[in-house]
Amino acid sequence: MSNIELNGDHTTPGTVRFTRTLPAPIERVWAYVTESDKRATWLASGEMELRVGGKVHLHFLHKNISPNEEPPEDFRDVHYEGADKEGVVTQCDPPHLLAFTWNETSEVSFHLTPVADGTRLELIHRKLDPTTNLYVSSGWQLHLDILSARLEGIEPQPFWENFLKLKEGYSEKLGVKD
């Protein structure tokens, strides 16, 4: 594998955790996590009802986050046409905590804490089967890199080229072949 760093912490089987210090105040990071137009620049658009029991709709359209890149053949639909995930908010404490189900099979949570140089974000995705964990680990790492770049006002790295490198690395780390 190339020299790309894997920074997902696989705390228990079926769980991955990422911790980042983001270069923005907590209110701005919260807006990028919860507001559709801002979230669309690094992850997925879609409405969120910010209350326990509220609906979550995520529409992934990677041409919006990595516009000048040709995706691998297996991912052209997600890149050009989009893919949808549905969920339900399980925890909501603005601007510190948001957790929701992910297509009823897993759960993702964002924990935000103000720190001297910005906001500490801890993202945890739980209840993942091994193959899904491989894709989720690779995807979240890149989506969080893009979020950081957006908050800094710089051009993010190409998504798909790095996704394939990360997928190879996480495949080795997790001992999973897809």
N, C-alpha and C. Protein backbone atom coordinates (compact mmCIF):
# COMPACT_ATOMS: atom_id res chain seq x y z
N MET A 1 0.84 -1.19 0.00
CA MET A 1 0.00 0.00 0.00
C MET A 1 0.87 1.24 0.00
N SER A 2 0.33 2.34 -0.47
CA SER A 2 1.07 3.60 -0.46
C SER A 2 1.26 4.08 0.97
N ASN A 3 1.87 5.23 1.12
CA ASN A 3 2.18 5.73 2.45
C ASN A 3 1.06 6.57 3.06
N ILE A 4 -0.17 6.35 2.69
CA ILE A 4 -1.31 7.06 3.25
C ILE A 4 -1.56 6.53 4.67
N GLU A 5 -1.80 7.44 5.60
CA GLU A 5 -1.97 7.07 7.01
C GLU A 5 -3.41 6.68 7.31
N LEU A 6 -3.58 5.57 8.02
CA LEU A 6 -4.90 5.14 8.47
C LEU A 6 -5.12 5.73 9.85
N ASN A 7 -6.16 6.53 10.03
CA ASN A 7 -6.35 7.11 11.36
C ASN A 7 -7.67 6.73 12.01
N GLY A 8 -8.33 5.70 11.48
CA GLY A 8 -9.51 5.15 12.14
C GLY A 8 -9.08 4.21 13.25
N ASP A 9 -9.66 4.38 14.43
CA ASP A 9 -9.36 3.53 15.58
C ASP A 9 -10.49 2.52 15.70
N HIS A 10 -10.18 1.26 15.53
CA HIS A 10 -11.18 0.20 15.61
C HIS A 10 -11.20 -0.32 17.05
N THR A 11 -12.00 0.35 17.87
CA THR A 11 -12.00 0.14 19.32
C THR A 11 -12.53 -1.23 19.71
N THR A 12 -13.54 -1.69 19.02
CA THR A 12 -14.11 -3.02 19.25
C THR A 12 -14.55 -3.54 17.88
N PRO A 13 -14.79 -4.84 17.75
CA PRO A 13 -15.29 -5.33 16.46
C PRO A 13 -16.57 -4.58 16.07
N GLY A 14 -16.62 -4.13 14.84
CA GLY A 14 -17.80 -3.45 14.35
C GLY A 14 -17.89 -1.98 14.69
N THR A 15 -16.82 -1.40 15.23
CA THR A 15 -16.82 0.02 15.61
C THR A 15 -15.56 0.69 15.09
N VAL A 16 -15.73 1.89 14.53
CA VAL A 16 -14.59 2.71 14.14
C VAL A 16 -14.78 4.10 14.74
N ARG A 17 -13.67 4.67 15.20
CA ARG A 17 -13.70 6.01 15.81
C ARG A 17 -12.63 6.87 15.17
N PHE A 18 -13.00 8.11 14.86
CA PHE A 18 -12.08 9.11 14.34
C PHE A 18 -12.11 10.31 15.28
N THR A 19 -10.94 10.85 15.58
CA THR A 19 -10.85 12.05 16.40
C THR A 19 -10.04 13.07 15.63
N ARG A 20 -10.59 14.26 15.49
CA ARG A 20 -9.92 15.35 14.77
C ARG A 20 -10.07 16.65 15.55
N THR A 21 -9.08 17.50 15.43
CA THR A 21 -9.23 18.88 15.87
C THR A 21 -9.45 19.69 14.60
N LEU A 22 -10.62 20.31 14.53
CA LEU A 22 -11.00 21.06 13.34
C LEU A 22 -10.77 22.55 13.57
N PRO A 23 -10.34 23.28 12.54
CA PRO A 23 -9.94 24.68 12.67
C PRO A 23 -11.12 25.66 12.61
N ALA A 24 -12.09 25.47 13.51
CA ALA A 24 -13.26 26.35 13.52
C ALA A 24 -13.93 26.26 14.89
N PRO A 25 -14.67 27.30 15.27
CA PRO A 25 -15.42 27.23 16.53
C PRO A 25 -16.53 26.19 16.45
N ILE A 26 -16.96 25.72 17.59
CA ILE A 26 -17.94 24.63 17.67
C ILE A 26 -19.22 24.94 16.91
N GLU A 27 -19.70 26.18 16.96
CA GLU A 27 -20.94 26.52 16.27
C GLU A 27 -20.81 26.34 14.76
N ARG A 28 -19.65 26.68 14.22
CA ARG A 28 -19.43 26.52 12.78
C ARG A 28 -19.33 25.04 12.41
N VAL A 29 -18.64 24.25 13.22
CA VAL A 29 -18.54 22.81 12.95
C VAL A 29 -19.94 22.18 13.04
N TRP A 30 -20.71 22.57 14.07
CA TRP A 30 -22.08 22.05 14.21
C TRP A 30 -22.90 22.35 12.96
N ALA A 31 -22.75 23.55 12.43
CA ALA A 31 -23.47 23.92 11.21
C ALA A 31 -23.06 23.01 10.05
N TYR A 32 -21.79 22.69 9.92
CA TYR A 32 -21.33 21.82 8.83
C TYR A 32 -21.79 20.37 9.02
N VAL A 33 -22.07 19.97 10.24
CA VAL A 33 -22.60 18.62 10.50
C VAL A 33 -24.10 18.57 10.28
N THR A 34 -24.82 19.64 10.60
CA THR A 34 -26.29 19.57 10.64
C THR A 34 -27.02 20.28 9.51
N GLU A 35 -26.41 21.25 8.86
CA GLU A 35 -27.11 22.01 7.81
C GLU A 35 -26.82 21.40 6.44
N SER A 36 -27.90 21.11 5.72
CA SER A 36 -27.80 20.39 4.46
C SER A 36 -26.83 21.02 3.47
N ASP A 37 -26.93 22.33 3.26
CA ASP A 37 -26.08 22.97 2.24
C ASP A 37 -24.61 22.90 2.61
N LYS A 38 -24.28 23.05 3.87
CA LYS A 38 -22.88 22.96 4.31
C LYS A 38 -22.40 21.50 4.32
N ARG A 39 -23.24 20.59 4.79
CA ARG A 39 -22.87 19.17 4.84
C ARG A 39 -22.66 18.62 3.43
N ALA A 40 -23.39 19.15 2.46
CA ALA A 40 -23.26 18.68 1.07
C ALA A 40 -21.86 18.93 0.51
N THR A 41 -21.10 19.86 1.08
CA THR A 41 -19.77 20.17 0.57
C THR A 41 -18.70 19.19 1.03
N TRP A 42 -19.05 18.32 2.02
CA TRP A 42 -18.04 17.37 2.52
C TRP A 42 -18.58 15.95 2.71
N LEU A 43 -19.90 15.78 2.79
CA LEU A 43 -20.45 14.46 3.05
C LEU A 43 -21.68 14.20 2.18
N ALA A 44 -22.82 14.73 2.60
CA ALA A 44 -24.08 14.47 1.91
C ALA A 44 -25.09 15.55 2.28
N SER A 45 -25.93 15.91 1.34
CA SER A 45 -27.02 16.85 1.63
C SER A 45 -28.16 16.07 2.27
N GLY A 46 -29.20 16.79 2.63
CA GLY A 46 -30.40 16.14 3.16
C GLY A 46 -30.82 16.74 4.48
N GLU A 47 -32.10 16.65 4.71
CA GLU A 47 -32.67 17.25 5.92
C GLU A 47 -32.46 16.37 7.15
N MET A 48 -32.32 17.05 8.28
CA MET A 48 -32.23 16.40 9.59
C MET A 48 -33.19 17.12 10.52
N GLU A 49 -34.03 16.36 11.18
CA GLU A 49 -34.88 16.91 12.23
C GLU A 49 -34.09 16.79 13.53
N LEU A 50 -33.59 17.91 14.04
CA LEU A 50 -32.66 17.90 15.17
C LEU A 50 -33.39 17.77 16.50
N ARG A 51 -33.95 16.57 16.68
CA ARG A 51 -34.61 16.18 17.93
C ARG A 51 -34.60 14.66 17.99
N VAL A 52 -34.59 14.12 19.19
CA VAL A 52 -34.64 12.66 19.33
C VAL A 52 -35.91 12.16 18.66
N GLY A 53 -35.76 11.17 17.81
CA GLY A 53 -36.86 10.63 17.03
C GLY A 53 -37.02 11.30 15.67
N GLY A 54 -36.27 12.38 15.43
CA GLY A 54 -36.35 13.10 14.16
C GLY A 54 -35.76 12.29 13.02
N LYS A 55 -36.25 12.56 11.83
CA LYS A 55 -35.79 11.85 10.63
C LYS A 55 -34.49 12.44 10.11
N VAL A 56 -33.67 11.57 9.55
CA VAL A 56 -32.42 11.95 8.90
C VAL A 56 -32.46 11.39 7.49
N HIS A 57 -32.19 12.25 6.53
CA HIS A 57 -32.06 11.81 5.14
C HIS A 57 -30.73 12.34 4.62
N LEU A 58 -29.86 11.43 4.16
CA LEU A 58 -28.58 11.81 3.59
C LEU A 58 -28.56 11.42 2.12
N HIS A 59 -28.27 12.41 1.27
CA HIS A 59 -28.15 12.15 -0.17
C HIS A 59 -26.69 12.38 -0.57
N PHE A 60 -25.99 11.29 -0.81
CA PHE A 60 -24.58 11.33 -1.20
C PHE A 60 -24.48 11.56 -2.70
N LEU A 61 -23.79 12.63 -3.08
CA LEU A 61 -23.55 12.93 -4.48
C LEU A 61 -22.10 13.41 -4.57
N HIS A 62 -21.21 12.46 -4.80
CA HIS A 62 -19.78 12.74 -4.70
C HIS A 62 -19.25 13.71 -5.74
N LYS A 63 -19.95 13.91 -6.85
CA LYS A 63 -19.48 14.91 -7.81
C LYS A 63 -19.49 16.30 -7.19
N ASN A 64 -20.25 16.51 -6.12
CA ASN A 64 -20.27 17.80 -5.43
C ASN A 64 -19.08 17.99 -4.50
N ILE A 65 -18.50 16.90 -4.02
CA ILE A 65 -17.37 17.04 -3.10
C ILE A 65 -16.03 16.76 -3.77
N SER A 66 -16.06 16.12 -4.91
CA SER A 66 -14.85 15.82 -5.66
C SER A 66 -15.16 16.00 -7.15
N PRO A 67 -15.40 17.25 -7.57
CA PRO A 67 -15.98 17.50 -8.89
C PRO A 67 -15.09 17.21 -10.09
N ASN A 68 -13.81 17.32 -9.97
CA ASN A 68 -12.92 17.18 -11.13
C ASN A 68 -12.23 15.83 -11.17
N GLU A 69 -12.92 14.82 -10.71
CA GLU A 69 -12.31 13.49 -10.61
C GLU A 69 -13.24 12.45 -11.21
N GLU A 70 -12.69 11.55 -11.98
CA GLU A 70 -13.46 10.45 -12.53
C GLU A 70 -13.47 9.32 -11.50
N PRO A 71 -14.66 8.85 -11.09
CA PRO A 71 -14.72 7.80 -10.07
C PRO A 71 -14.41 6.43 -10.65
N PRO A 72 -14.04 5.48 -9.78
CA PRO A 72 -13.89 4.10 -10.23
C PRO A 72 -15.25 3.59 -10.74
N GLU A 73 -15.23 2.63 -11.62
CA GLU A 73 -16.45 2.13 -12.24
C GLU A 73 -17.49 1.69 -11.20
N ASP A 74 -17.06 1.01 -10.15
CA ASP A 74 -17.98 0.51 -9.12
C ASP A 74 -18.72 1.62 -8.37
N PHE A 75 -18.24 2.87 -8.47
CA PHE A 75 -18.80 3.97 -7.68
C PHE A 75 -19.39 5.08 -8.55
N ARG A 76 -19.57 4.83 -9.83
CA ARG A 76 -20.08 5.88 -10.72
C ARG A 76 -21.48 6.33 -10.35
N ASP A 77 -22.33 5.40 -9.91
CA ASP A 77 -23.69 5.78 -9.52
C ASP A 77 -23.67 6.77 -8.36
N VAL A 78 -22.88 6.48 -7.33
CA VAL A 78 -22.80 7.37 -6.16
C VAL A 78 -22.24 8.72 -6.57
N HIS A 79 -21.28 8.72 -7.49
CA HIS A 79 -20.63 9.95 -7.89
C HIS A 79 -21.57 10.83 -8.72
N TYR A 80 -22.23 10.25 -9.71
CA TYR A 80 -23.01 11.04 -10.65
C TYR A 80 -24.51 11.11 -10.34
N GLU A 81 -25.07 10.04 -9.80
CA GLU A 81 -26.52 10.00 -9.58
C GLU A 81 -26.88 10.11 -8.11
N GLY A 82 -26.01 9.65 -7.24
CA GLY A 82 -26.25 9.77 -5.81
C GLY A 82 -26.75 8.48 -5.19
N ALA A 83 -26.67 8.44 -3.88
CA ALA A 83 -27.14 7.32 -3.07
C ALA A 83 -27.74 7.90 -1.80
N ASP A 84 -28.74 7.23 -1.26
CA ASP A 84 -29.45 7.74 -0.10
C ASP A 84 -29.30 6.83 1.11
N LYS A 85 -29.21 7.46 2.28
CA LYS A 85 -29.21 6.77 3.57
C LYS A 85 -30.30 7.43 4.41
N GLU A 86 -31.01 6.62 5.15
CA GLU A 86 -32.06 7.12 6.04
C GLU A 86 -31.69 6.77 7.47
N GLY A 87 -32.20 7.56 8.39
CA GLY A 87 -31.94 7.28 9.79
C GLY A 87 -32.90 8.04 10.69
N VAL A 88 -32.71 7.82 11.98
CA VAL A 88 -33.51 8.47 13.01
C VAL A 88 -32.56 8.99 14.07
N VAL A 89 -32.76 10.23 14.49
CA VAL A 89 -31.92 10.84 15.53
C VAL A 89 -32.15 10.09 16.85
N THR A 90 -31.06 9.66 17.48
CA THR A 90 -31.13 8.95 18.76
C THR A 90 -30.65 9.82 19.92
N GLN A 91 -29.81 10.81 19.62
CA GLN A 91 -29.33 11.75 20.63
C GLN A 91 -29.10 13.10 19.95
N CYS A 92 -29.47 14.18 20.65
CA CYS A 92 -29.25 15.51 20.09
C CYS A 92 -29.09 16.50 21.24
N ASP A 93 -27.90 17.08 21.34
CA ASP A 93 -27.59 18.10 22.34
C ASP A 93 -26.75 19.17 21.67
N PRO A 94 -27.42 20.10 20.93
CA PRO A 94 -26.69 21.12 20.18
C PRO A 94 -25.85 22.01 21.09
N PRO A 95 -24.67 22.40 20.70
CA PRO A 95 -23.89 21.99 19.54
C PRO A 95 -22.85 20.93 19.89
N HIS A 96 -23.17 20.05 20.82
CA HIS A 96 -22.16 19.10 21.33
C HIS A 96 -22.31 17.66 20.86
N LEU A 97 -23.54 17.22 20.60
CA LEU A 97 -23.75 15.80 20.32
C LEU A 97 -24.89 15.61 19.33
N LEU A 98 -24.62 14.79 18.34
CA LEU A 98 -25.65 14.33 17.41
C LEU A 98 -25.37 12.87 17.11
N ALA A 99 -26.38 12.03 17.30
CA ALA A 99 -26.26 10.60 16.96
C ALA A 99 -27.53 10.19 16.22
N PHE A 100 -27.34 9.32 15.23
CA PHE A 100 -28.49 8.83 14.48
C PHE A 100 -28.21 7.45 13.92
N THR A 101 -29.30 6.73 13.64
CA THR A 101 -29.15 5.43 13.01
C THR A 101 -28.78 5.65 11.55
N TRP A 102 -28.15 4.64 10.99
CA TRP A 102 -27.66 4.69 9.62
C TRP A 102 -28.29 3.50 8.91
N ASN A 103 -29.36 3.77 8.15
CA ASN A 103 -30.12 2.70 7.46
C ASN A 103 -30.55 1.58 8.40
N GLU A 104 -30.87 1.90 9.63
CA GLU A 104 -31.39 0.97 10.63
C GLU A 104 -30.44 -0.15 11.01
N THR A 105 -29.23 -0.19 10.45
CA THR A 105 -28.32 -1.29 10.76
C THR A 105 -27.15 -0.86 11.63
N SER A 106 -26.84 0.43 11.65
CA SER A 106 -25.72 0.90 12.45
C SER A 106 -26.05 2.29 12.99
N GLU A 107 -25.13 2.85 13.75
CA GLU A 107 -25.35 4.17 14.34
C GLU A 107 -24.07 4.98 14.27
N VAL A 108 -24.22 6.26 13.95
CA VAL A 108 -23.09 7.17 13.89
C VAL A 108 -23.33 8.29 14.90
N SER A 109 -22.26 8.73 15.57
CA SER A 109 -22.39 9.84 16.50
C SER A 109 -21.25 10.83 16.29
N PHE A 110 -21.60 12.10 16.46
CA PHE A 110 -20.65 13.21 16.40
C PHE A 110 -20.62 13.85 17.77
N HIS A 111 -19.45 13.87 18.40
CA HIS A 111 -19.26 14.53 19.68
C HIS A 111 -18.34 15.72 19.43
N LEU A 112 -18.79 16.93 19.75
CA LEU A 112 -18.02 18.15 19.52
C LEU A 112 -17.67 18.80 20.86
N THR A 113 -16.39 19.20 20.98
CA THR A 113 -15.91 19.84 22.19
C THR A 113 -15.04 21.02 21.80
N PRO A 114 -15.32 22.22 22.35
CA PRO A 114 -14.44 23.35 22.04
C PRO A 114 -13.05 23.12 22.65
N VAL A 115 -12.02 23.46 21.88
CA VAL A 115 -10.64 23.42 22.36
C VAL A 115 -9.96 24.72 21.93
N ALA A 116 -8.77 24.97 22.44
CA ALA A 116 -8.09 26.24 22.21
C ALA A 116 -7.94 26.58 20.72
N ASP A 117 -7.63 25.58 19.90
CA ASP A 117 -7.38 25.87 18.49
C ASP A 117 -8.52 25.45 17.57
N GLY A 118 -9.73 25.33 18.10
CA GLY A 118 -10.88 25.00 17.26
C GLY A 118 -11.88 24.12 17.98
N THR A 119 -12.21 23.01 17.35
CA THR A 119 -13.20 22.08 17.89
C THR A 119 -12.68 20.66 17.76
N ARG A 120 -12.76 19.92 18.84
CA ARG A 120 -12.41 18.50 18.80
C ARG A 120 -13.66 17.74 18.38
N LEU A 121 -13.55 17.00 17.29
CA LEU A 121 -14.65 16.17 16.80
C LEU A 121 -14.28 14.72 17.02
N GLU A 122 -15.17 13.99 17.65
CA GLU A 122 -15.02 12.54 17.76
C GLU A 122 -16.22 11.93 17.04
N LEU A 123 -15.95 11.18 16.01
CA LEU A 123 -16.98 10.49 15.25
C LEU A 123 -16.85 9.01 15.54
N ILE A 124 -17.95 8.39 15.92
CA ILE A 124 -17.97 6.95 16.19
C ILE A 124 -19.07 6.32 15.35
N HIS A 125 -18.73 5.28 14.61
CA HIS A 125 -19.72 4.53 13.83
C HIS A 125 -19.72 3.11 14.37
N ARG A 126 -20.89 2.65 14.86
CA ARG A 126 -21.03 1.36 15.55
C ARG A 126 -21.92 0.39 14.76
N LYS A 127 -21.81 -0.87 15.16
CA LYS A 127 -22.67 -1.95 14.65
C LYS A 127 -22.43 -2.20 13.16
N LEU A 128 -21.17 -2.27 12.78
CA LEU A 128 -20.79 -2.47 11.38
C LEU A 128 -20.37 -3.92 11.16
N ASP A 129 -20.86 -4.53 10.09
CA ASP A 129 -20.33 -5.83 9.72
C ASP A 129 -18.94 -5.61 9.12
N PRO A 130 -18.10 -6.64 9.03
CA PRO A 130 -16.72 -6.44 8.58
C PRO A 130 -16.56 -5.76 7.24
N THR A 131 -17.34 -6.13 6.24
CA THR A 131 -17.19 -5.51 4.92
C THR A 131 -17.64 -4.05 4.95
N THR A 132 -18.75 -3.79 5.61
CA THR A 132 -19.21 -2.40 5.73
C THR A 132 -18.20 -1.57 6.48
N ASN A 133 -17.58 -2.13 7.51
CA ASN A 133 -16.57 -1.40 8.29
C ASN A 133 -15.40 -0.98 7.39
N LEU A 134 -15.02 -1.82 6.46
CA LEU A 134 -13.96 -1.51 5.52
C LEU A 134 -14.30 -0.26 4.71
N TYR A 135 -15.49 -0.22 4.16
CA TYR A 135 -15.93 0.93 3.34
C TYR A 135 -16.18 2.17 4.20
N VAL A 136 -16.82 1.98 5.34
CA VAL A 136 -17.12 3.11 6.23
C VAL A 136 -15.83 3.74 6.75
N SER A 137 -14.87 2.94 7.15
CA SER A 137 -13.60 3.47 7.66
C SER A 137 -12.90 4.31 6.60
N SER A 138 -12.83 3.79 5.39
CA SER A 138 -12.19 4.53 4.30
C SER A 138 -12.96 5.81 3.98
N GLY A 139 -14.27 5.70 3.90
CA GLY A 139 -15.09 6.86 3.56
C GLY A 139 -15.05 7.94 4.62
N TRP A 140 -15.26 7.57 5.90
CA TRP A 140 -15.26 8.60 6.94
C TRP A 140 -13.92 9.32 7.01
N GLN A 141 -12.82 8.58 6.88
CA GLN A 141 -11.52 9.25 6.95
C GLN A 141 -11.43 10.34 5.90
N LEU A 142 -11.83 10.05 4.68
CA LEU A 142 -11.75 11.05 3.61
C LEU A 142 -12.78 12.15 3.77
N HIS A 143 -13.99 11.81 4.17
CA HIS A 143 -15.00 12.84 4.37
C HIS A 143 -14.56 13.82 5.46
N LEU A 144 -13.95 13.33 6.51
CA LEU A 144 -13.46 14.23 7.57
C LEU A 144 -12.28 15.06 7.08
N ASP A 145 -11.42 14.50 6.23
CA ASP A 145 -10.35 15.30 5.62
C ASP A 145 -10.94 16.44 4.80
N ILE A 146 -12.00 16.14 4.06
CA ILE A 146 -12.64 17.16 3.23
C ILE A 146 -13.31 18.21 4.11
N LEU A 147 -13.95 17.79 5.20
CA LEU A 147 -14.53 18.75 6.14
C LEU A 147 -13.47 19.70 6.66
N SER A 148 -12.34 19.17 7.08
CA SER A 148 -11.25 20.00 7.60
C SER A 148 -10.79 20.99 6.54
N ALA A 149 -10.62 20.53 5.31
CA ALA A 149 -10.19 21.41 4.22
C ALA A 149 -11.22 22.51 3.98
N ARG A 150 -12.50 22.15 3.96
CA ARG A 150 -13.56 23.15 3.76
C ARG A 150 -13.53 24.21 4.85
N LEU A 151 -13.34 23.78 6.09
CA LEU A 151 -13.29 24.72 7.21
C LEU A 151 -12.07 25.64 7.13
N GLU A 152 -10.98 25.13 6.55
CA GLU A 152 -9.77 25.93 6.36
C GLU A 152 -9.82 26.79 5.11
N GLY A 153 -10.80 26.54 4.25
CA GLY A 153 -10.92 27.30 3.01
C GLY A 153 -9.92 26.87 1.95
N ILE A 154 -9.49 25.60 1.98
CA ILE A 154 -8.55 25.10 0.98
C ILE A 154 -9.21 24.00 0.15
N GLU A 155 -8.64 23.73 -1.01
CA GLU A 155 -9.16 22.71 -1.91
C GLU A 155 -8.90 21.32 -1.31
N PRO A 156 -9.93 20.49 -1.16
CA PRO A 156 -9.72 19.15 -0.61
C PRO A 156 -8.97 18.24 -1.58
N GLN A 157 -8.39 17.20 -1.03
CA GLN A 157 -7.71 16.20 -1.84
C GLN A 157 -8.74 15.41 -2.66
N PRO A 158 -8.31 14.78 -3.75
CA PRO A 158 -9.22 13.95 -4.53
C PRO A 158 -9.81 12.82 -3.68
N PHE A 159 -11.08 12.59 -3.82
CA PHE A 159 -11.75 11.57 -2.99
C PHE A 159 -11.43 10.16 -3.45
N TRP A 160 -11.75 9.83 -4.70
CA TRP A 160 -11.74 8.43 -5.14
C TRP A 160 -10.34 7.83 -5.16
N GLU A 161 -9.37 8.57 -5.63
CA GLU A 161 -7.99 8.06 -5.66
C GLU A 161 -7.55 7.65 -4.25
N ASN A 162 -7.84 8.50 -3.29
CA ASN A 162 -7.44 8.22 -1.91
C ASN A 162 -8.34 7.17 -1.26
N PHE A 163 -9.60 7.13 -1.64
CA PHE A 163 -10.50 6.11 -1.12
C PHE A 163 -9.97 4.71 -1.43
N LEU A 164 -9.54 4.49 -2.67
CA LEU A 164 -9.03 3.18 -3.05
C LEU A 164 -7.78 2.81 -2.27
N LYS A 165 -6.90 3.78 -2.03
CA LYS A 165 -5.70 3.53 -1.22
C LYS A 165 -6.08 3.18 0.21
N LEU A 166 -7.00 3.95 0.78
CA LEU A 166 -7.44 3.68 2.16
C LEU A 166 -8.15 2.33 2.26
N LYS A 167 -8.97 2.01 1.28
CA LYS A 167 -9.68 0.73 1.29
C LYS A 167 -8.68 -0.43 1.31
N GLU A 168 -7.62 -0.29 0.55
CA GLU A 168 -6.58 -1.32 0.55
C GLU A 168 -5.92 -1.41 1.93
N GLY A 169 -5.61 -0.26 2.52
CA GLY A 169 -4.99 -0.25 3.84
C GLY A 169 -5.88 -0.80 4.93
N TYR A 170 -7.14 -0.38 4.94
CA TYR A 170 -8.08 -0.89 5.95
C TYR A 170 -8.38 -2.37 5.72
N SER A 171 -8.35 -2.82 4.48
CA SER A 171 -8.53 -4.24 4.20
C SER A 171 -7.44 -5.06 4.90
N GLU A 172 -6.20 -4.58 4.79
CA GLU A 172 -5.08 -5.26 5.48
C GLU A 172 -5.23 -5.15 6.99
N LYS A 173 -5.54 -3.97 7.49
CA LYS A 173 -5.64 -3.74 8.94
C LYS A 173 -6.75 -4.58 9.55
N LEU A 174 -7.90 -4.65 8.89
CA LEU A 174 -9.05 -5.36 9.44
C LEU A 174 -9.09 -6.84 9.04
N GLY A 175 -8.22 -7.23 8.11
CA GLY A 175 -8.22 -8.61 7.64
C GLY A 175 -9.49 -8.96 6.88
N VAL A 176 -9.98 -7.99 6.10
CA VAL A 176 -11.24 -8.17 5.37
C VAL A 176 -11.00 -7.96 3.88
N LYS A 177 -11.49 -8.89 3.10
CA LYS A 177 -11.47 -8.74 1.64
C LYS A 177 -12.92 -8.56 1.20
N ASP A 178 -13.13 -7.60 0.28
CA ASP A 178 -14.52 -7.43 -0.19
C ASP A 178 -14.74 -8.13 -1.51
